[in-house]
């Protein structure tokens, strides 16, 4: 079987993800494997069409295409995202049509599901037959039982292809808004109490709906509102996954991104992110913006800010994109509000944009941040355990931050609960006591609230 591996790690062969591919090669040596380091070589692939065409030619002769990648900020890295964009921009979809495919990722299981949903949907858009995904913890391959699990996944995938079994697509083609937004009369500016507003966009064309929506929002704020195009920021490349920033939050790049993030975004009370859907995410430019913010590690670097997502394109058909953006905001300790151009009516979009401006200012004035949901609570526990454990040596800045902010809140540190459980759990082995406890448990659950409600 001819297997093409599209390597999505900026580190090329020297990546954890590729160790899994190497293991597959050793366990199943009867196949021909060809690896393309598309994330690492993205600049050359962009500039040299012959290199891109050569990769497409190899894919066209493949029996199986494996999308292998590490997770970068809830998705694939920006370099890999850019390669996917090139496939559609250069109309190379035919090379993938009908090919069997699978995805392989390595991570600490933080939003690995959104990354695989994205790749799966891209494969469906390309007309491929998606056999499934394998989401591995970075160190799984060091365990015998996980070696067996991974080998079984590979074996079942090869068997499916060998028997030429059909695979049903799960994602329907996107229906894109085709209208042009025409902003109406300028709104009455909302009083912003001196709040600092930053509007970010990646739009390269002032005629795009994204640019027009950003312009409308500029008019909605009466005070300090700044419009910044991501293309005008000195960002010289995507995250390299080197982890050198983990020691003291200093990025290996010497471009202008770090200062921009710290000074411009750090001083903002309200940040509005205006972007257009590209394939099934935002652009690779936006992905690069998110990836490079990793120099702040696993800390809530924009905590307390109001975030507005202003999206041109079919966001309503992309629940996993909205899930990723909500998860990013929730984990960052922010509040997120959304507006899209899906309504296809200019007057209504004017009202929605004016309304989000008002709501963002109200949130900034009151300091309102919603309670955390599963995204942040689950994410905190994953990061807490990893930073306390195996990731401590690489992410020492995170460790210091977590110590300082008392974020190593392991349940065994709650002595009061431990003592309560030590006394009462054994007592529940007595049938009469157990019956009494469970018959009255609903009253015990609400009793602590009596004083709060009385004082209210």
Foldseek 3Di string as FASTA:
>chain_A
DEEEEEELALVPCPDLQNVLVVLLCVVCVPYHYDYDPQLVCVVVVVVDVVVVVVSLVSLLPGQEYEYTAEDFQLAGFLSVLVNLLVCVVVVSLVSQAAHEYEYEYEYLPQNPVLHRVLVLLSSVVSNYAYPYYHYYYSCLCVDPVSSVVSNVSVVVSVVCSVVVPGHDRDADDFDKDDAFADADDQDDADEQVQAAEEEEEQDPDCRHNLNVLSVSLVSNHDDHYYYDYLVPFFDDDADNPPLQLLAPLDDPDPGRLVVCCCPVLVRGQEYEYGFEDRSQETHSSVSRNSRVSCSLPQALSNALHEYEYEYEIPVVSRVSRVVSVVLNQLQNNYHYDYDYCVVNDNVVSSVVSSVVSNVRSVCSVVSDGDDHDCSNVVSLVSCLVCCVPDCVVSRVVVVVVCVVVVSNPDPVVPVVVVVVCVPVVVVCVPPVVVVVCVVCVVVVVCVVCVVVVVVD
